[in-house]
C-alpha cells in the first residue's frame, strides 16, 4: 500500500476531481507581512526565513514566468498538465484587493491553471478579500484559502512572535465558512515548548471549530537567518527526532476525519539553509515513515476520528491546556 491508500491526500482528491494530475506551482508575488513591516511587529516569526520554502527565493519574476518554470519542473517529474497557482511566500492577502486581483489574474490567465491556493495569516483576510476569492470560486476556479495557524496555543504564538492568536483564526475561519470557501489550516509540530499533546490539542481545536476542508502538517525546522537558529545554537531549542515526528503525525492522521484533505504531511528546506534537524531535507523518508507507521498500526486517516463526544483528555493534556491557553484561546 502507499500513503495515498491510508491518507486522503490533495493529489488524489485533485485526480478524482479533474480526471488527471493537478499540481501546485509555488508563486512569490512580492507581498510582505504585517509581522515584518511594523504593522504587527518587526522581524517576522522566530522560525521564518521564506527562502527556506520558496523555490524562487526573493527574486521576484513575473507570475507567468514563475508558472512556466514550475511547469517545466513538474512536467519532468510527473507529467502533470493542470496546475494550481500557490501564492506561498509571505502574506498573500496583505494588499489592496485591486492589487491582489491583478496578481491572481496573472496566474488564472494561464490556460492550464485551474485555480488558486492562497497562503496567508488569520489576521489578514478582511471581507473584501474573502469576497474576491469567493468570486473566483463562483467563476468555476478551484480556490483554497490557506490559513497559517501553526498552533492553537496563544502562549506558543506569542513565544514565536506570530502576532495573532487563536481568536483571529476563529474569526477568519467563520468568515470564510459563511462564503463557502475551502480552508486549509496549517499546523507546525514541534514548536518551542510544545509536546505531542499540544499538537493533538491544536488539531482538536481546529476540528472543534468546524469549517475546515484541508490540513497541512509541518515539522519545525531550523534554518539560517532566523531567531530560532540563534536559540538552537545556544542550546535553547531541541528539534524533534524523525521518530518523534512520524509517531505524532500518524496520531494526528488517525484523529482526522476521513473526508478532510491533507495537502501536506511534512515540510523540507534547502540544504544550503537547513541547520536542523537533518531529516527535514528528505521528504520521502518522512512520508514513507508515516506510511510505515500507519501500516504497522493497521490504521489510516480517521481510524480514531476526533469528535466532541469521544474526546478523551489525559491529565497531562489538561495541564497543557491550563498552561498554554489564555482567556481568548481556551
C-alpha atoms as a PDB file:
ATOM      1  CA  UNK A   1       0.000   0.000   0.000  1.00  0.00           C
ATOM      2  CA  UNK A   2       1.022   3.626  -0.478  1.00  0.00           C
ATOM      3  CA  UNK A   3       0.460   6.671   1.689  1.00  0.00           C
ATOM      4  CA  UNK A   4      -2.485   7.665  -0.512  1.00  0.00           C
ATOM      5  CA  UNK A   5      -4.167   4.370   0.425  1.00  0.00           C
ATOM      6  CA  UNK A   6      -4.122   5.439   4.084  1.00  0.00           C
ATOM      7  CA  UNK A   7      -4.416   9.229   3.841  1.00  0.00           C
ATOM      8  CA  UNK A   8      -6.828  11.407   1.868  1.00  0.00           C
ATOM      9  CA  UNK A   9      -4.137  13.334   0.016  1.00  0.00           C
ATOM     10  CA  UNK A  10      -4.555  16.512  -2.006  1.00  0.00           C
ATOM     11  CA  UNK A  11      -3.098  14.837  -5.087  1.00  0.00           C
ATOM     12  CA  UNK A  12      -5.644  12.048  -5.033  1.00  0.00           C
ATOM     13  CA  UNK A  13      -8.533  14.436  -4.443  1.00  0.00           C
ATOM     14  CA  UNK A  14      -7.480  16.578  -7.401  1.00  0.00           C
ATOM     15  CA  UNK A  15      -7.060  13.464  -9.564  1.00  0.00           C
ATOM     16  CA  UNK A  16     -10.611  12.397  -8.751  1.00  0.00           C
ATOM     17  CA  UNK A  17     -11.983  15.903  -9.285  1.00  0.00           C
ATOM     18  CA  UNK A  18     -10.243  16.687 -12.591  1.00  0.00           C
ATOM     19  CA  UNK A  19      -9.567  13.251 -14.021  1.00  0.00           C
ATOM     20  CA  UNK A  20      -5.826  13.914 -14.215  1.00  0.00           C
ATOM     21  CA  UNK A  21      -2.915  15.070 -12.081  1.00  0.00           C
ATOM     22  CA  UNK A  22      -3.089  18.639 -10.778  1.00  0.00           C
ATOM     23  CA  UNK A  23      -0.038  20.153  -9.100  1.00  0.00           C
ATOM     24  CA  UNK A  24       0.545  23.322  -7.135  1.00  0.00           C
ATOM     25  CA  UNK A  25       3.097  25.757  -8.527  1.00  0.00           C
ATOM     26  CA  UNK A  26       4.667  27.965  -5.852  1.00  0.00           C
ATOM     27  CA  UNK A  27       4.395  31.697  -6.543  1.00  0.00           C
ATOM     28  CA  UNK A  28       6.169  34.618  -4.875  1.00  0.00           C
ATOM     29  CA  UNK A  29       4.107  37.680  -5.785  1.00  0.00           C
ATOM     30  CA  UNK A  30       6.274  40.118  -3.843  1.00  0.00           C
ATOM     31  CA  UNK A  31       3.990  40.650  -0.871  1.00  0.00           C
ATOM     32  CA  UNK A  32       5.272  41.350   2.627  1.00  0.00           C
ATOM     33  CA  UNK A  33       3.840  40.595   6.073  1.00  0.00           C
ATOM     34  CA  UNK A  34       2.369  42.756   8.872  1.00  0.00           C
ATOM     35  CA  UNK A  35       4.744  40.998  11.215  1.00  0.00           C
ATOM     36  CA  UNK A  36       7.684  42.390   9.239  1.00  0.00           C
ATOM     37  CA  UNK A  37       6.666  45.872   8.110  1.00  0.00           C
ATOM     38  CA  UNK A  38       5.851  47.165  11.591  1.00  0.00           C
ATOM     39  CA  UNK A  39       2.053  46.878  11.422  1.00  0.00           C
ATOM     40  CA  UNK A  40       2.138  43.981  13.881  1.00  0.00           C
ATOM     41  CA  UNK A  41       5.851  43.608  14.537  1.00  0.00           C
ATOM     42  CA  UNK A  42       9.348  43.528  13.144  1.00  0.00           C
ATOM     43  CA  UNK A  43      11.490  40.612  12.101  1.00  0.00           C
ATOM     44  CA  UNK A  44       8.679  38.144  11.472  1.00  0.00           C
ATOM     45  CA  UNK A  45       8.149  34.833  13.225  1.00  0.00           C
ATOM     46  CA  UNK A  46      11.171  33.444  15.031  1.00  0.00           C
ATOM     47  CA  UNK A  47      11.311  30.453  12.645  1.00  0.00           C
ATOM     48  CA  UNK A  48      10.662  32.362   9.431  1.00  0.00           C
ATOM     49  CA  UNK A  49      13.076  32.633   6.530  1.00  0.00           C
ATOM     50  CA  UNK A  50      10.815  32.481   3.492  1.00  0.00           C
ATOM     51  CA  UNK A  51      13.682  31.429   1.251  1.00  0.00           C
ATOM     52  CA  UNK A  52      13.504  28.076   3.034  1.00  0.00           C
ATOM     53  CA  UNK A  53      10.194  27.218   1.385  1.00  0.00           C
ATOM     54  CA  UNK A  54      10.112  29.462  -1.675  1.00  0.00           C
ATOM     55  CA  UNK A  55      11.874  27.796  -4.624  1.00  0.00           C
ATOM     56  CA  UNK A  56      12.139  31.189  -6.304  1.00  0.00           C
ATOM     57  CA  UNK A  57      13.952  32.795  -3.375  1.00  0.00           C
ATOM     58  CA  UNK A  58      13.140  36.511  -3.210  1.00  0.00           C
ATOM     59  CA  UNK A  59      13.995  37.357  -6.791  1.00  0.00           C
ATOM     60  CA  UNK A  60      10.551  38.385  -7.962  1.00  0.00           C
ATOM     61  CA  UNK A  61       9.992  37.266 -11.527  1.00  0.00           C
ATOM     62  CA  UNK A  62       6.667  37.924 -13.275  1.00  0.00           C
ATOM     63  CA  UNK A  63       3.996  35.437 -12.239  1.00  0.00           C
ATOM     64  CA  UNK A  64       3.708  33.846 -15.722  1.00  0.00           C
ATOM     65  CA  UNK A  65       7.472  33.294 -15.740  1.00  0.00           C
ATOM     66  CA  UNK A  66       7.308  31.605 -12.334  1.00  0.00           C
ATOM     67  CA  UNK A  67       4.495  29.375 -13.537  1.00  0.00           C
ATOM     68  CA  UNK A  68       6.464  28.407 -16.634  1.00  0.00           C
ATOM     69  CA  UNK A  69       9.486  27.499 -14.511  1.00  0.00           C
ATOM     70  CA  UNK A  70       7.344  25.392 -12.205  1.00  0.00           C
ATOM     71  CA  UNK A  71       5.525  23.861 -15.145  1.00  0.00           C
ATOM     72  CA  UNK A  72       8.792  22.601 -16.640  1.00  0.00           C
ATOM     73  CA  UNK A  73       9.966  21.028 -13.387  1.00  0.00           C
ATOM     74  CA  UNK A  74       6.635  19.342 -12.669  1.00  0.00           C
ATOM     75  CA  UNK A  75       6.253  18.117 -16.252  1.00  0.00           C
ATOM     76  CA  UNK A  76       9.598  16.311 -15.990  1.00  0.00           C
ATOM     77  CA  UNK A  77       8.716  14.832 -12.628  1.00  0.00           C
ATOM     78  CA  UNK A  78       5.081  13.779 -13.048  1.00  0.00           C
ATOM     79  CA  UNK A  79       3.805  14.824 -16.445  1.00  0.00           C
ATOM     80  CA  UNK A  80       1.004  16.905 -14.921  1.00  0.00           C
ATOM     81  CA  UNK A  81      -0.764  19.257 -17.328  1.00  0.00           C
ATOM     82  CA  UNK A  82      -3.014  21.186 -14.933  1.00  0.00           C
ATOM     83  CA  UNK A  83      -1.835  23.471 -12.153  1.00  0.00           C
ATOM     84  CA  UNK A  84      -2.944  25.470  -9.152  1.00  0.00           C
ATOM     85  CA  UNK A  85      -1.100  28.729  -8.534  1.00  0.00           C
ATOM     86  CA  UNK A  86       0.052  28.518  -4.932  1.00  0.00           C
ATOM     87  CA  UNK A  87       0.712  32.012  -3.606  1.00  0.00           C
ATOM     88  CA  UNK A  88       3.055  30.874  -0.883  1.00  0.00           C
ATOM     89  CA  UNK A  89       5.721  33.351   0.204  1.00  0.00           C
ATOM     90  CA  UNK A  90       4.834  35.772   2.996  1.00  0.00           C
ATOM     91  CA  UNK A  91       1.217  37.001   3.349  1.00  0.00           C
ATOM     92  CA  UNK A  92      -0.661  36.769   0.076  1.00  0.00           C
ATOM     93  CA  UNK A  93      -3.793  38.666   1.066  1.00  0.00           C
ATOM     94  CA  UNK A  94      -1.880  41.584   2.587  1.00  0.00           C
ATOM     95  CA  UNK A  95      -2.543  44.235  -0.055  1.00  0.00           C
ATOM     96  CA  UNK A  96      -5.313  46.286  -1.577  1.00  0.00           C
ATOM     97  CA  UNK A  97      -7.934  43.989  -3.176  1.00  0.00           C
ATOM     98  CA  UNK A  98      -7.314  45.590  -6.574  1.00  0.00           C
ATOM     99  CA  UNK A  99      -3.632  44.727  -6.339  1.00  0.00           C
ATOM    100  CA  UNK A 100      -4.465  41.206  -5.195  1.00  0.00           C
ATOM    101  CA  UNK A 101      -6.854  40.737  -8.106  1.00  0.00           C
ATOM    102  CA  UNK A 102      -4.187  41.853 -10.565  1.00  0.00           C
ATOM    103  CA  UNK A 103      -1.707  39.315  -9.171  1.00  0.00           C
ATOM    104  CA  UNK A 104      -4.230  36.479  -9.038  1.00  0.00           C
ATOM    105  CA  UNK A 105      -5.480  37.227 -12.552  1.00  0.00           C
ATOM    106  CA  UNK A 106      -1.931  36.877 -13.877  1.00  0.00           C
ATOM    107  CA  UNK A 107      -1.973  33.233 -12.846  1.00  0.00           C
ATOM    108  CA  UNK A 108      -5.533  32.481 -13.892  1.00  0.00           C
ATOM    109  CA  UNK A 109      -4.862  33.878 -17.372  1.00  0.00           C
ATOM    110  CA  UNK A 110      -2.656  30.842 -17.990  1.00  0.00           C
ATOM    111  CA  UNK A 111      -4.809  28.228 -19.790  1.00  0.00           C
ATOM    112  CA  UNK A 112      -3.548  25.286 -17.732  1.00  0.00           C
ATOM    113  CA  UNK A 113      -4.019  26.979 -14.333  1.00  0.00           C
ATOM    114  CA  UNK A 114      -7.308  25.770 -12.870  1.00  0.00           C
ATOM    115  CA  UNK A 115      -7.279  27.671  -9.615  1.00  0.00           C
ATOM    116  CA  UNK A 116      -5.609  29.408  -6.699  1.00  0.00           C
ATOM    117  CA  UNK A 117      -4.278  28.378  -3.337  1.00  0.00           C
ATOM    118  CA  UNK A 118      -3.614  31.495  -1.274  1.00  0.00           C
ATOM    119  CA  UNK A 119      -1.395  31.297   1.787  1.00  0.00           C
ATOM    120  CA  UNK A 120      -1.995  33.932   4.437  1.00  0.00           C
ATOM    121  CA  UNK A 121      -2.379  34.780   8.122  1.00  0.00           C
ATOM    122  CA  UNK A 122      -5.683  34.622  10.019  1.00  0.00           C
ATOM    123  CA  UNK A 123      -5.494  38.362  10.753  1.00  0.00           C
ATOM    124  CA  UNK A 124      -5.163  39.360   7.077  1.00  0.00           C
ATOM    125  CA  UNK A 125      -8.402  38.214   5.439  1.00  0.00           C
ATOM    126  CA  UNK A 126     -10.852  41.125   5.564  1.00  0.00           C
ATOM    127  CA  UNK A 127     -14.292  40.775   3.925  1.00  0.00           C
ATOM    128  CA  UNK A 128     -13.276  42.350   0.565  1.00  0.00           C
ATOM    129  CA  UNK A 129     -10.529  39.749   0.155  1.00  0.00           C
ATOM    130  CA  UNK A 130     -12.873  36.899   1.003  1.00  0.00           C
ATOM    131  CA  UNK A 131     -15.411  38.268  -1.474  1.00  0.00           C
ATOM    132  CA  UNK A 132     -12.714  38.354  -4.160  1.00  0.00           C
ATOM    133  CA  UNK A 133     -11.793  34.719  -3.539  1.00  0.00           C
ATOM    134  CA  UNK A 134     -15.458  33.714  -3.469  1.00  0.00           C
ATOM    135  CA  UNK A 135     -15.943  35.422  -6.838  1.00  0.00           C
ATOM    136  CA  UNK A 136     -13.175  33.301  -8.353  1.00  0.00           C
ATOM    137  CA  UNK A 137     -14.822  30.221  -6.880  1.00  0.00           C
ATOM    138  CA  UNK A 138     -18.160  31.253  -8.398  1.00  0.00           C
ATOM    139  CA  UNK A 139     -16.440  31.513 -11.796  1.00  0.00           C
ATOM    140  CA  UNK A 140     -15.564  27.813 -11.556  1.00  0.00           C
ATOM    141  CA  UNK A 141     -11.981  28.067 -10.342  1.00  0.00           C
ATOM    142  CA  UNK A 142     -10.526  25.793  -7.694  1.00  0.00           C
ATOM    143  CA  UNK A 143      -9.928  28.093  -4.701  1.00  0.00           C
ATOM    144  CA  UNK A 144      -8.244  27.306  -1.398  1.00  0.00           C
ATOM    145  CA  UNK A 145      -7.624  29.743   1.431  1.00  0.00           C
ATOM    146  CA  UNK A 146      -4.612  28.501   3.402  1.00  0.00           C
ATOM    147  CA  UNK A 147      -4.607  29.877   6.951  1.00  0.00           C
ATOM    148  CA  UNK A 148      -1.331  29.668   8.852  1.00  0.00           C
ATOM    149  CA  UNK A 149      -2.469  28.996  12.404  1.00  0.00           C
ATOM    150  CA  UNK A 150       0.586  26.899  13.403  1.00  0.00           C
ATOM    151  CA  UNK A 151      -0.609  26.357  16.994  1.00  0.00           C
ATOM    152  CA  UNK A 152      -3.856  26.811  18.915  1.00  0.00           C
ATOM    153  CA  UNK A 153      -1.892  27.890  21.988  1.00  0.00           C
ATOM    154  CA  UNK A 154      -1.697  31.654  22.363  1.00  0.00           C
ATOM    155  CA  UNK A 155       1.325  31.326  24.600  1.00  0.00           C
ATOM    156  CA  UNK A 156       3.194  29.491  21.838  1.00  0.00           C
ATOM    157  CA  UNK A 157       2.106  32.006  19.207  1.00  0.00           C
ATOM    158  CA  UNK A 158       3.410  34.813  21.387  1.00  0.00           C
ATOM    159  CA  UNK A 159       6.663  32.941  22.003  1.00  0.00           C
ATOM    160  CA  UNK A 160       7.357  32.625  18.279  1.00  0.00           C
ATOM    161  CA  UNK A 161       6.329  36.248  17.636  1.00  0.00           C
ATOM    162  CA  UNK A 162       3.400  35.257  15.475  1.00  0.00           C
ATOM    163  CA  UNK A 163       1.444  38.473  16.051  1.00  0.00           C
ATOM    164  CA  UNK A 164      -2.006  36.895  16.288  1.00  0.00           C
ATOM    165  CA  UNK A 165      -3.863  34.454  18.496  1.00  0.00           C
ATOM    166  CA  UNK A 166      -6.444  31.723  18.161  1.00  0.00           C
ATOM    167  CA  UNK A 167      -9.271  34.264  18.278  1.00  0.00           C
ATOM    168  CA  UNK A 168      -8.188  35.763  14.949  1.00  0.00           C
ATOM    169  CA  UNK A 169      -8.097  32.286  13.428  1.00  0.00           C
ATOM    170  CA  UNK A 170     -11.600  31.547  14.669  1.00  0.00           C
ATOM    171  CA  UNK A 171     -12.910  34.800  13.217  1.00  0.00           C
ATOM    172  CA  UNK A 172     -11.250  34.257   9.829  1.00  0.00           C
ATOM    173  CA  UNK A 173     -12.430  30.665   9.620  1.00  0.00           C
ATOM    174  CA  UNK A 174     -16.025  31.574  10.352  1.00  0.00           C
ATOM    175  CA  UNK A 175     -15.980  34.425   7.822  1.00  0.00           C
ATOM    176  CA  UNK A 176     -14.592  32.089   5.142  1.00  0.00           C
ATOM    177  CA  UNK A 177     -17.115  29.411   6.027  1.00  0.00           C
ATOM    178  CA  UNK A 178     -20.058  31.790   5.535  1.00  0.00           C
ATOM    179  CA  UNK A 179     -18.815  32.337   1.985  1.00  0.00           C
ATOM    180  CA  UNK A 180     -18.374  28.649   1.262  1.00  0.00           C
ATOM    181  CA  UNK A 181     -14.610  28.871   0.787  1.00  0.00           C
ATOM    182  CA  UNK A 182     -12.381  25.839   1.142  1.00  0.00           C
ATOM    183  CA  UNK A 183      -9.978  26.419   4.036  1.00  0.00           C
ATOM    184  CA  UNK A 184      -6.716  24.568   4.588  1.00  0.00           C
ATOM    185  CA  UNK A 185      -5.260  25.090   8.076  1.00  0.00           C
ATOM    186  CA  UNK A 186      -1.503  24.916   8.649  1.00  0.00           C
ATOM    187  CA  UNK A 187      -0.158  23.415  11.877  1.00  0.00           C
ATOM    188  CA  UNK A 188       3.510  23.208  12.871  1.00  0.00           C
ATOM    189  CA  UNK A 189       4.543  20.255  15.010  1.00  0.00           C
ATOM    190  CA  UNK A 190       7.437  20.750  17.420  1.00  0.00           C
ATOM    191  CA  UNK A 191       7.203  24.467  18.158  1.00  0.00           C
ATOM    192  CA  UNK A 192       9.283  25.655  21.145  1.00  0.00           C
ATOM    193  CA  UNK A 193       7.787  24.476  24.409  1.00  0.00           C
ATOM    194  CA  UNK A 194       5.256  22.173  22.758  1.00  0.00           C
ATOM    195  CA  UNK A 195       4.866  18.414  23.030  1.00  0.00           C
ATOM    196  CA  UNK A 196       2.850  15.834  21.126  1.00  0.00           C
ATOM    197  CA  UNK A 197      -0.049  16.634  23.472  1.00  0.00           C
ATOM    198  CA  UNK A 198      -0.010  20.249  22.337  1.00  0.00           C
ATOM    199  CA  UNK A 199      -0.114  19.167  18.682  1.00  0.00           C
ATOM    200  CA  UNK A 200      -3.096  16.944  19.368  1.00  0.00           C
ATOM    201  CA  UNK A 201      -4.961  19.662  21.244  1.00  0.00           C
ATOM    202  CA  UNK A 202      -4.284  22.157  18.449  1.00  0.00           C
ATOM    203  CA  UNK A 203      -5.801  19.727  15.962  1.00  0.00           C
ATOM    204  CA  UNK A 204      -8.772  19.152  18.282  1.00  0.00           C
ATOM    205  CA  UNK A 205      -9.466  22.858  18.487  1.00  0.00           C
ATOM    206  CA  UNK A 206      -9.301  23.226  14.695  1.00  0.00           C
ATOM    207  CA  UNK A 207     -11.735  20.338  14.254  1.00  0.00           C
ATOM    208  CA  UNK A 208     -13.977  21.663  17.008  1.00  0.00           C
ATOM    209  CA  UNK A 209     -14.393  24.958  15.145  1.00  0.00           C
ATOM    210  CA  UNK A 210     -15.565  23.143  12.003  1.00  0.00           C
ATOM    211  CA  UNK A 211     -15.482  24.627   8.531  1.00  0.00           C
ATOM    212  CA  UNK A 212     -12.068  23.228   7.630  1.00  0.00           C
ATOM    213  CA  UNK A 213     -11.675  21.298   4.384  1.00  0.00           C
ATOM    214  CA  UNK A 214      -7.942  20.624   4.478  1.00  0.00           C
ATOM    215  CA  UNK A 215      -4.890  20.427   6.714  1.00  0.00           C
ATOM    216  CA  UNK A 216      -1.144  20.872   6.398  1.00  0.00           C
ATOM    217  CA  UNK A 217       1.334  19.479   8.895  1.00  0.00           C
ATOM    218  CA  UNK A 218       4.902  20.764   9.069  1.00  0.00           C
ATOM    219  CA  UNK A 219       7.757  19.709  11.323  1.00  0.00           C
ATOM    220  CA  UNK A 220       9.535  22.750  12.717  1.00  0.00           C
ATOM    221  CA  UNK A 221      12.975  23.006  11.177  1.00  0.00           C
ATOM    222  CA  UNK A 222      15.765  25.434  11.999  1.00  0.00           C
ATOM    223  CA  UNK A 223      17.006  27.492   9.069  1.00  0.00           C
ATOM    224  CA  UNK A 224      19.676  30.125   8.727  1.00  0.00           C
ATOM    225  CA  UNK A 225      18.835  33.756   9.250  1.00  0.00           C
ATOM    226  CA  UNK A 226      16.210  33.243  11.970  1.00  0.00           C
ATOM    227  CA  UNK A 227      15.951  33.906  15.676  1.00  0.00           C
ATOM    228  CA  UNK A 228      15.153  30.229  16.130  1.00  0.00           C
ATOM    229  CA  UNK A 229      18.585  29.453  14.681  1.00  0.00           C
ATOM    230  CA  UNK A 230      20.192  31.600  17.360  1.00  0.00           C
ATOM    231  CA  UNK A 231      18.195  29.833  20.073  1.00  0.00           C
ATOM    232  CA  UNK A 232      19.220  26.458  18.642  1.00  0.00           C
ATOM    233  CA  UNK A 233      22.899  27.439  18.654  1.00  0.00           C
ATOM    234  CA  UNK A 234      22.590  28.450  22.314  1.00  0.00           C
ATOM    235  CA  UNK A 235      21.030  25.082  23.131  1.00  0.00           C
ATOM    236  CA  UNK A 236      17.669  26.647  23.959  1.00  0.00           C
ATOM    237  CA  UNK A 237      15.731  24.661  21.356  1.00  0.00           C
ATOM    238  CA  UNK A 238      15.947  20.947  20.619  1.00  0.00           C
ATOM    239  CA  UNK A 239      14.495  19.860  17.266  1.00  0.00           C
ATOM    240  CA  UNK A 240      12.323  16.783  17.240  1.00  0.00           C
ATOM    241  CA  UNK A 241      13.720  13.468  16.102  1.00  0.00           C
ATOM    242  CA  UNK A 242      12.393  11.806  12.969  1.00  0.00           C
ATOM    243  CA  UNK A 243      10.787   9.096  15.094  1.00  0.00           C
ATOM    244  CA  UNK A 244       9.010  11.644  17.298  1.00  0.00           C
ATOM    245  CA  UNK A 245       7.594  13.463  14.312  1.00  0.00           C
ATOM    246  CA  UNK A 246       6.473  10.308  12.488  1.00  0.00           C
ATOM    247  CA  UNK A 247       4.703   8.970  15.573  1.00  0.00           C
ATOM    248  CA  UNK A 248       2.917  12.260  16.238  1.00  0.00           C
ATOM    249  CA  UNK A 249       1.966  12.795  12.591  1.00  0.00           C
ATOM    250  CA  UNK A 250       0.467   9.301  12.480  1.00  0.00           C
ATOM    251  CA  UNK A 251      -1.528  10.093  15.634  1.00  0.00           C
ATOM    252  CA  UNK A 252      -2.899  13.253  14.047  1.00  0.00           C
ATOM    253  CA  UNK A 253      -3.786  11.439  10.820  1.00  0.00           C
ATOM    254  CA  UNK A 254      -5.744   8.843  12.795  1.00  0.00           C
ATOM    255  CA  UNK A 255      -7.663  11.594  14.621  1.00  0.00           C
ATOM    256  CA  UNK A 256      -8.541  13.484  11.427  1.00  0.00           C
ATOM    257  CA  UNK A 257     -11.939  12.653   9.885  1.00  0.00           C
ATOM    258  CA  UNK A 258     -11.510  10.735   6.636  1.00  0.00           C
ATOM    259  CA  UNK A 259     -13.144  13.372   4.422  1.00  0.00           C
ATOM    260  CA  UNK A 260     -10.641  16.123   5.219  1.00  0.00           C
ATOM    261  CA  UNK A 261      -7.838  16.648   2.701  1.00  0.00           C
ATOM    262  CA  UNK A 262      -4.176  16.532   3.727  1.00  0.00           C
ATOM    263  CA  UNK A 263      -2.357  18.995   1.494  1.00  0.00           C
ATOM    264  CA  UNK A 264       0.935  18.139   3.158  1.00  0.00           C
ATOM    265  CA  UNK A 265       2.305  15.876   5.876  1.00  0.00           C
ATOM    266  CA  UNK A 266       5.828  17.222   6.095  1.00  0.00           C
ATOM    267  CA  UNK A 267       7.946  20.157   5.013  1.00  0.00           C
ATOM    268  CA  UNK A 268      11.509  20.463   3.753  1.00  0.00           C
ATOM    269  CA  UNK A 269      14.139  23.156   3.442  1.00  0.00           C
ATOM    270  CA  UNK A 270      17.049  23.525   1.004  1.00  0.00           C
ATOM    271  CA  UNK A 271      20.323  22.029   2.200  1.00  0.00           C
ATOM    272  CA  UNK A 272      22.069  25.404   1.968  1.00  0.00           C
ATOM    273  CA  UNK A 273      19.637  26.890   4.504  1.00  0.00           C
ATOM    274  CA  UNK A 274      18.729  23.977   6.755  1.00  0.00           C
ATOM    275  CA  UNK A 275      20.556  23.742  10.086  1.00  0.00           C
ATOM    276  CA  UNK A 276      18.486  21.121  11.914  1.00  0.00           C
ATOM    277  CA  UNK A 277      17.101  18.530  12.022  1.00  0.00           C
ATOM    278  CA  UNK A 278      18.917  16.939   9.073  1.00  0.00           C
ATOM    279  CA  UNK A 279      15.997  14.667   8.229  1.00  0.00           C
ATOM    280  CA  UNK A 280      13.927  17.703   7.155  1.00  0.00           C
ATOM    281  CA  UNK A 281      15.949  17.699   3.931  1.00  0.00           C
ATOM    282  CA  UNK A 282      14.434  14.347   2.901  1.00  0.00           C
ATOM    283  CA  UNK A 283      10.701  14.487   2.225  1.00  0.00           C
ATOM    284  CA  UNK A 284      10.270  10.884   1.151  1.00  0.00           C
ATOM    285  CA  UNK A 285      11.999   9.468   4.213  1.00  0.00           C
ATOM    286  CA  UNK A 286       9.375  11.238   6.321  1.00  0.00           C
ATOM    287  CA  UNK A 287       6.398  10.336   4.126  1.00  0.00           C
ATOM    288  CA  UNK A 288       7.456   6.705   3.871  1.00  0.00           C
ATOM    289  CA  UNK A 289       7.976   6.650   7.625  1.00  0.00           C
ATOM    290  CA  UNK A 290       4.425   7.885   8.237  1.00  0.00           C
ATOM    291  CA  UNK A 291       3.026   5.280   5.838  1.00  0.00           C
ATOM    292  CA  UNK A 292       5.042   2.527   7.528  1.00  0.00           C
ATOM    293  CA  UNK A 293       3.883   3.666  10.964  1.00  0.00           C
ATOM    294  CA  UNK A 294       0.234   3.644   9.915  1.00  0.00           C
ATOM    295  CA  UNK A 295       0.740   0.247   8.271  1.00  0.00           C
ATOM    296  CA  UNK A 296       2.322  -1.174  11.410  1.00  0.00           C
ATOM    297  CA  UNK A 297      -0.659   0.053  13.408  1.00  0.00           C
ATOM    298  CA  UNK A 298      -3.100  -1.306  10.829  1.00  0.00           C
ATOM    299  CA  UNK A 299      -4.714   2.114  10.691  1.00  0.00           C
ATOM    300  CA  UNK A 300      -5.442   5.016   8.365  1.00  0.00           C
ATOM    301  CA  UNK A 301      -6.881   8.504   8.408  1.00  0.00           C
ATOM    302  CA  UNK A 302      -9.986   8.578  10.543  1.00  0.00           C
ATOM    303  CA  UNK A 303      -9.259   5.300  12.344  1.00  0.00           C
ATOM    304  CA  UNK A 304      -9.723   7.164  15.620  1.00  0.00           C
ATOM    305  CA  UNK A 305     -11.678  10.230  14.440  1.00  0.00           C
ATOM    306  CA  UNK A 306     -11.989  13.051  16.909  1.00  0.00           C
ATOM    307  CA  UNK A 307     -15.460  14.134  17.935  1.00  0.00           C
ATOM    308  CA  UNK A 308     -16.630  16.278  20.810  1.00  0.00           C
ATOM    309  CA  UNK A 309     -18.391  13.250  22.234  1.00  0.00           C
ATOM    310  CA  UNK A 310     -15.343  10.977  22.011  1.00  0.00           C
ATOM    311  CA  UNK A 311     -12.765  13.402  23.349  1.00  0.00           C
ATOM    312  CA  UNK A 312     -10.510  11.741  25.880  1.00  0.00           C
ATOM    313  CA  UNK A 313      -8.201  14.199  27.602  1.00  0.00           C
ATOM    314  CA  UNK A 314      -5.403  12.921  29.814  1.00  0.00           C
ATOM    315  CA  UNK A 315      -4.195  14.640  32.943  1.00  0.00           C
ATOM    316  CA  UNK A 316      -1.073  15.720  31.069  1.00  0.00           C
ATOM    317  CA  UNK A 317      -3.181  17.293  28.339  1.00  0.00           C
ATOM    318  CA  UNK A 318      -5.301  19.078  30.895  1.00  0.00           C
ATOM    319  CA  UNK A 319      -2.146  20.591  32.361  1.00  0.00           C
ATOM    320  CA  UNK A 320      -1.109  21.634  28.843  1.00  0.00           C
ATOM    321  CA  UNK A 321      -4.473  23.293  28.347  1.00  0.00           C
ATOM    322  CA  UNK A 322      -4.256  25.234  31.602  1.00  0.00           C
ATOM    323  CA  UNK A 323      -0.680  26.340  30.990  1.00  0.00           C
ATOM    324  CA  UNK A 324      -0.975  27.056  27.292  1.00  0.00           C
ATOM    325  CA  UNK A 325      -4.314  28.734  26.575  1.00  0.00           C
ATOM    326  CA  UNK A 326      -5.201  32.224  27.686  1.00  0.00           C
ATOM    327  CA  UNK A 327      -8.732  33.527  28.055  1.00  0.00           C
ATOM    328  CA  UNK A 328      -9.211  34.110  24.330  1.00  0.00           C
ATOM    329  CA  UNK A 329      -7.888  30.737  23.257  1.00  0.00           C
ATOM    330  CA  UNK A 330      -9.384  28.312  25.653  1.00  0.00           C
END
